[in-house]
Amino acid sequence: MTEDILSEVKKDYVLSKLREGERIDGRKFDEFRKVEIKTGLIEKAEGSALVKLGNTQVVVGVKMQPGEPFPDTPDKGVIIVNAELVPLASPTFEPGPPDENSVELARVVDRGIRESEAVDLSKLCIEEGKKVWIIFVDIHALDDDGNLLDASAIASICALLDAKVPASRFGVGEDFKLPINDIPVSVTSLIIGEKFLIDPSRDEMSVGDKTITISVGRNDEVVAIQKSGDYLLNESLFEEVLEKSIVAGRKIREEILRQCSKTC
C-alpha cells in the first residue's frame, strides 16, 4: 500500500515537472546522463567493459572460441549476445531462466551490432565452411536505474573494442585485435503525449512504457529501430525523435572514442 502511494506521488511529480518543461534531474529533454566507461576489467575475458549511465550500471564480457559457421555464411564469424538481469540489479527482476525482458534486450543490442556490421566478420574465418571465430557477448546488469538497453549497447561495443582474438591459445595463429568497422549507438526515448525524453531514468519510466530505440551508425545512418508499448507515433513526432536521436548518438559515440582511446 505504501509503495503504491509513493509510486503515485513520484509519477505526479514527474508529470508536473514535464508540464513545466523540465525533467526531475535538470537535464534537457534530449540529453543523456553522464557516461562513464572502464574497459579491460575481466582478466579471463577477451574483452570487457563496465558502463555507468547515471546510476545504471552494466558490465559486459566478451569470450571467443573456434566453432562451425552458419550454413548461409560459411566464411564469416558468428556473434551471439546474451543478457542476464539478476534480482540484485532491480526489484522487478526475478531469478530463473532469461525472461522476455532479457531476451528483448539481447536481441536489440545484437541487432544494432549486426545491422551496422560493427564487427568485420569476414576477417574471422579460420577455415571456410568448417571453422570460424564465435564471439559471445554476455551482458550483466548490476544496477537498473532506467534505460538499461542503451547502457548495455554502449558496454557491448566498448567490450568489443577492447577485445583481442585469442588465436595463439587455440593454435591458429597470433592474437589480433577484433576488427571493428563501426560504433553503433542505441538511443532510447520515452514517449509522453507529444513530448519525448531521451535516456529516461527509472523514475521517469514510472509515467509510462511507450519507448522507441533508434540505433545509429557512425555515418548517422539508422541501422535498427525497436518500438515498445502499444501506441501510434505520428510522423512529425517521429521525425523529431529521429533527428534528436542521431545528434545524441553522435555525442555518445564521441564519448566512447574519448574514453576508450585510453585503454582500447
Protein backbone atom coordinates (compact mmCIF):
# COMPACT_ATOMS: atom_id res chain seq x y z
CA MET A 1 0.00 0.00 0.00
CA THR A 2 2.76 2.43 0.99
CA GLU A 3 4.74 1.54 -2.16
CA ASP A 4 1.67 2.26 -4.32
CA ILE A 5 1.24 5.67 -2.70
CA LEU A 6 4.91 6.53 -3.19
CA SER A 7 4.70 5.40 -6.81
CA GLU A 8 1.74 7.70 -7.48
CA VAL A 9 3.46 10.62 -5.75
CA LYS A 10 6.57 10.05 -7.85
CA LYS A 11 4.51 9.81 -11.03
CA ASP A 12 2.65 13.04 -10.25
CA TYR A 13 5.95 14.82 -9.56
CA VAL A 14 7.48 13.67 -12.86
CA LEU A 15 4.39 14.78 -14.79
CA SER A 16 4.22 18.15 -13.03
CA LYS A 17 7.84 18.86 -13.97
CA LEU A 18 7.19 17.85 -17.57
CA ARG A 19 4.26 20.26 -17.76
CA GLU A 20 6.71 22.96 -16.68
CA GLY A 21 9.09 21.90 -19.47
CA GLU A 22 11.60 20.37 -17.07
CA ARG A 23 12.98 16.97 -16.09
CA ILE A 24 13.31 15.95 -12.47
CA ASP A 25 17.12 15.75 -12.69
CA GLY A 26 17.50 19.04 -14.56
CA ARG A 27 18.51 17.54 -17.90
CA LYS A 28 17.28 18.79 -21.26
CA PHE A 29 14.70 16.57 -22.92
CA ASP A 30 17.28 15.38 -25.49
CA GLU A 31 20.19 14.92 -23.07
CA PHE A 32 21.84 11.70 -21.87
CA ARG A 33 23.02 11.27 -18.31
CA LYS A 34 26.77 11.24 -17.67
CA VAL A 35 28.51 8.23 -19.24
CA GLU A 36 31.49 6.58 -17.55
CA ILE A 37 33.40 3.75 -19.24
CA LYS A 38 36.07 1.38 -17.95
CA THR A 39 37.49 -1.44 -20.06
CA GLY A 40 39.72 -4.46 -19.51
CA LEU A 41 38.28 -5.29 -16.09
CA ILE A 42 37.84 -9.04 -16.56
CA GLU A 43 41.19 -10.81 -16.97
CA LYS A 44 39.74 -14.09 -18.24
CA ALA A 45 37.65 -12.40 -20.92
CA GLU A 46 38.90 -11.47 -24.39
CA GLY A 47 37.35 -8.04 -23.84
CA SER A 48 35.25 -6.36 -21.16
CA ALA A 49 33.66 -3.07 -20.21
CA LEU A 50 31.84 -1.51 -17.29
CA VAL A 51 29.50 1.33 -18.20
CA LYS A 52 27.72 3.70 -15.87
CA LEU A 53 24.86 5.70 -17.36
CA GLY A 54 23.85 7.88 -14.46
CA ASN A 55 23.17 5.30 -11.74
CA THR A 56 22.53 2.49 -14.21
CA GLN A 57 25.47 0.09 -14.33
CA VAL A 58 26.21 -2.71 -16.78
CA VAL A 59 29.22 -4.97 -17.23
CA VAL A 60 29.85 -6.87 -20.46
CA GLY A 61 32.34 -9.66 -21.09
CA VAL A 62 33.41 -10.98 -24.50
CA LYS A 63 34.62 -14.55 -24.97
CA MET A 64 35.75 -16.22 -28.21
CA GLN A 65 36.37 -19.73 -29.42
CA PRO A 66 36.56 -21.53 -32.77
CA GLY A 67 33.37 -23.16 -33.97
CA GLU A 68 31.29 -24.00 -37.03
CA PRO A 69 29.89 -21.14 -39.16
CA PHE A 70 26.25 -20.75 -40.08
CA PRO A 71 25.44 -22.64 -43.31
CA ASP A 72 24.45 -19.43 -45.15
CA THR A 73 27.64 -17.57 -44.13
CA PRO A 74 30.40 -20.21 -44.33
CA ASP A 75 33.20 -17.62 -44.49
CA LYS A 76 32.10 -15.34 -41.64
CA GLY A 77 32.42 -15.39 -37.88
CA VAL A 78 29.41 -15.57 -35.56
CA ILE A 79 28.18 -13.23 -32.81
CA ILE A 80 25.89 -14.42 -30.00
CA VAL A 81 24.54 -11.90 -27.48
CA ASN A 82 23.10 -12.94 -24.11
CA ALA A 83 21.74 -10.82 -21.26
CA GLU A 84 21.34 -11.66 -17.57
CA LEU A 85 19.06 -9.50 -15.42
CA VAL A 86 19.72 -10.55 -11.84
CA PRO A 87 17.34 -9.61 -8.97
CA LEU A 88 20.14 -7.65 -7.30
CA ALA A 89 20.00 -5.07 -10.10
CA SER A 90 16.30 -4.24 -9.77
CA PRO A 91 13.30 -5.25 -7.65
CA THR A 92 11.45 -6.02 -10.91
CA PHE A 93 13.95 -8.71 -11.98
CA GLU A 94 13.24 -12.28 -10.95
CA PRO A 95 15.56 -15.29 -10.55
CA GLY A 96 15.43 -18.09 -13.06
CA PRO A 97 15.98 -18.53 -16.80
CA PRO A 98 16.02 -15.47 -19.11
CA ASP A 99 12.61 -13.79 -19.31
CA GLU A 100 11.16 -11.76 -22.17
CA ASN A 101 12.88 -8.57 -20.97
CA SER A 102 16.38 -10.07 -21.06
CA VAL A 103 15.65 -11.75 -24.40
CA GLU A 104 14.44 -8.46 -25.90
CA LEU A 105 17.44 -6.55 -24.52
CA ALA A 106 19.89 -9.06 -26.00
CA ARG A 107 18.03 -9.06 -29.32
CA VAL A 108 18.07 -5.24 -29.67
CA VAL A 109 21.76 -4.98 -28.76
CA ASP A 110 22.55 -7.82 -31.17
CA ARG A 111 20.60 -6.15 -33.97
CA GLY A 112 22.46 -2.86 -33.59
CA ILE A 113 25.84 -4.61 -33.76
CA ARG A 114 24.82 -6.91 -36.61
CA GLU A 115 22.96 -4.43 -38.83
CA SER A 116 25.73 -1.81 -38.56
CA GLU A 117 28.29 -4.51 -39.41
CA ALA A 118 30.24 -3.22 -36.42
CA VAL A 119 32.48 -6.31 -36.41
CA ASP A 120 34.15 -7.37 -39.66
CA LEU A 121 33.02 -10.99 -39.52
CA SER A 122 34.72 -11.78 -42.85
CA LYS A 123 38.08 -11.48 -41.08
CA LEU A 124 37.08 -14.08 -38.50
CA CYS A 125 37.10 -17.07 -40.83
CA ILE A 126 39.69 -19.73 -39.93
CA GLU A 127 38.71 -22.38 -42.48
CA GLU A 128 35.81 -21.64 -44.81
CA GLY A 129 32.79 -23.82 -44.17
CA LYS A 130 34.45 -25.56 -41.24
CA LYS A 131 35.87 -23.23 -38.62
CA VAL A 132 35.31 -19.58 -37.71
CA TRP A 133 35.54 -17.48 -34.57
CA ILE A 134 32.42 -17.49 -32.39
CA ILE A 135 32.00 -14.29 -30.34
CA PHE A 136 29.95 -14.47 -27.16
CA VAL A 137 28.82 -11.11 -25.78
CA ASP A 138 27.49 -11.55 -22.23
CA ILE A 139 25.58 -8.63 -20.67
CA HIS A 140 25.17 -8.45 -16.89
CA ALA A 141 23.02 -5.73 -15.31
CA LEU A 142 24.44 -4.53 -12.00
CA ASP A 143 22.03 -1.68 -11.26
CA ASP A 144 18.98 -0.65 -13.29
CA ASP A 145 18.09 3.00 -12.76
CA GLY A 146 16.45 3.28 -16.15
CA ASN A 147 17.47 2.81 -19.79
CA LEU A 148 19.30 -0.44 -19.27
CA LEU A 149 19.12 -1.04 -23.02
CA ASP A 150 21.32 1.90 -24.08
CA ALA A 151 23.78 1.24 -21.26
CA SER A 152 24.04 -2.39 -22.41
CA ALA A 153 24.58 -1.37 -26.03
CA ILE A 154 27.34 1.05 -25.05
CA ALA A 155 29.02 -1.52 -22.81
CA SER A 156 28.81 -4.17 -25.54
CA ILE A 157 30.53 -2.11 -28.23
CA CYS A 158 33.15 -0.94 -25.71
CA ALA A 159 33.89 -4.56 -24.73
CA LEU A 160 34.23 -5.45 -28.43
CA LEU A 161 36.60 -2.51 -28.93
CA ASP A 162 38.65 -3.87 -26.04
CA ALA A 163 38.71 -7.45 -27.35
CA LYS A 164 41.58 -9.45 -28.81
CA VAL A 165 41.10 -12.67 -30.76
CA PRO A 166 42.92 -15.43 -28.76
CA ALA A 167 44.35 -17.21 -31.80
CA SER A 168 47.53 -18.43 -30.09
CA ARG A 169 45.57 -20.14 -27.30
CA PHE A 170 43.81 -22.32 -29.87
CA GLY A 171 46.87 -22.85 -32.07
CA VAL A 172 45.53 -20.98 -35.12
CA GLY A 173 48.00 -18.12 -35.42
CA GLU A 174 48.85 -14.98 -33.49
CA ASP A 175 46.47 -12.91 -31.39
CA PHE A 176 44.98 -9.82 -33.05
CA LYS A 177 42.61 -7.02 -32.20
CA LEU A 178 39.00 -7.74 -33.04
CA PRO A 179 38.34 -5.92 -36.36
CA ILE A 180 35.78 -3.17 -35.73
CA ASN A 181 34.15 -1.30 -38.63
CA ASP A 182 31.57 0.81 -36.80
CA ILE A 183 30.46 2.01 -33.37
CA PRO A 184 26.66 1.80 -33.29
CA VAL A 185 24.88 3.69 -30.52
CA SER A 186 21.34 2.98 -29.42
CA VAL A 187 19.24 5.93 -28.25
CA THR A 188 16.07 5.20 -26.30
CA SER A 189 13.30 7.76 -25.88
CA LEU A 190 10.24 7.68 -23.63
CA ILE A 191 7.15 8.99 -25.44
CA ILE A 192 4.75 11.02 -23.29
CA GLY A 193 1.92 12.52 -25.34
CA GLU A 194 3.54 14.85 -27.86
CA LYS A 195 6.80 15.03 -25.93
CA PHE A 196 9.70 12.64 -25.58
CA LEU A 197 12.61 12.16 -23.19
CA ILE A 198 15.93 10.69 -24.30
CA ASP A 199 17.61 8.30 -21.85
CA PRO A 200 14.70 8.01 -19.37
CA SER A 201 15.58 7.30 -15.75
CA ARG A 202 13.67 4.72 -13.70
CA ASP A 203 11.63 7.48 -12.04
CA GLU A 204 10.68 8.88 -15.44
CA MET A 205 9.66 5.41 -16.61
CA SER A 206 7.07 5.41 -13.82
CA VAL A 207 4.80 7.54 -16.04
CA GLY A 208 4.64 5.07 -18.94
CA ASP A 209 6.20 2.31 -21.01
CA LYS A 210 5.96 3.77 -24.51
CA THR A 211 9.54 3.79 -25.78
CA ILE A 212 11.38 3.79 -29.07
CA THR A 213 15.01 2.82 -29.51
CA ILE A 214 16.92 4.03 -32.57
CA SER A 215 20.37 2.56 -33.25
CA VAL A 216 22.63 4.88 -35.21
CA GLY A 217 25.88 4.12 -37.05
CA ARG A 218 28.98 6.29 -37.34
CA ASN A 219 27.72 7.98 -40.54
CA ASP A 220 24.45 9.00 -38.84
CA GLU A 221 22.60 6.20 -40.62
CA VAL A 222 19.78 4.42 -38.80
CA VAL A 223 20.66 0.73 -38.54
CA ALA A 224 17.80 -0.51 -36.33
CA ILE A 225 14.57 0.63 -34.66
CA GLN A 226 12.72 -1.01 -31.77
CA LYS A 227 9.32 0.24 -30.59
CA SER A 228 7.94 -0.94 -27.24
CA GLY A 229 4.44 -0.30 -25.93
CA ASP A 230 1.06 -0.11 -27.63
CA TYR A 231 0.86 3.34 -29.24
CA LEU A 232 0.90 5.22 -32.52
CA LEU A 233 3.70 7.69 -33.26
CA ASN A 234 2.69 10.48 -35.63
CA GLU A 235 5.04 11.37 -38.47
CA SER A 236 6.15 14.79 -37.22
CA LEU A 237 6.99 13.50 -33.74
CA PHE A 238 8.83 10.51 -35.21
CA GLU A 239 10.93 12.81 -37.39
CA GLU A 240 11.82 14.90 -34.35
CA VAL A 241 12.74 11.81 -32.31
CA LEU A 242 14.84 10.56 -35.22
CA GLU A 243 16.69 13.86 -35.61
CA LYS A 244 17.42 14.20 -31.88
CA SER A 245 18.47 10.53 -31.64
CA ILE A 246 21.05 10.96 -34.40
CA VAL A 247 22.53 14.00 -32.67
CA ALA A 248 22.54 12.26 -29.27
CA GLY A 249 24.10 9.13 -30.78
CA ARG A 250 26.86 11.21 -32.30
CA LYS A 251 27.71 12.72 -28.90
CA ILE A 252 27.74 9.33 -27.16
CA ARG A 253 29.99 7.90 -29.89
CA GLU A 254 32.44 10.75 -29.36
CA GLU A 255 32.38 9.97 -25.64
CA ILE A 256 33.03 6.27 -26.32
CA LEU A 257 36.01 7.10 -28.52
CA ARG A 258 37.35 9.60 -26.00
CA GLN A 259 37.14 7.26 -23.02
CA CYS A 260 38.06 4.04 -24.83
CA SER A 261 41.11 5.60 -26.51
CA LYS A 262 42.80 5.50 -23.09
CA THR A 263 42.53 1.73 -22.77
CA CYS A 264 41.25 0.12 -26.00
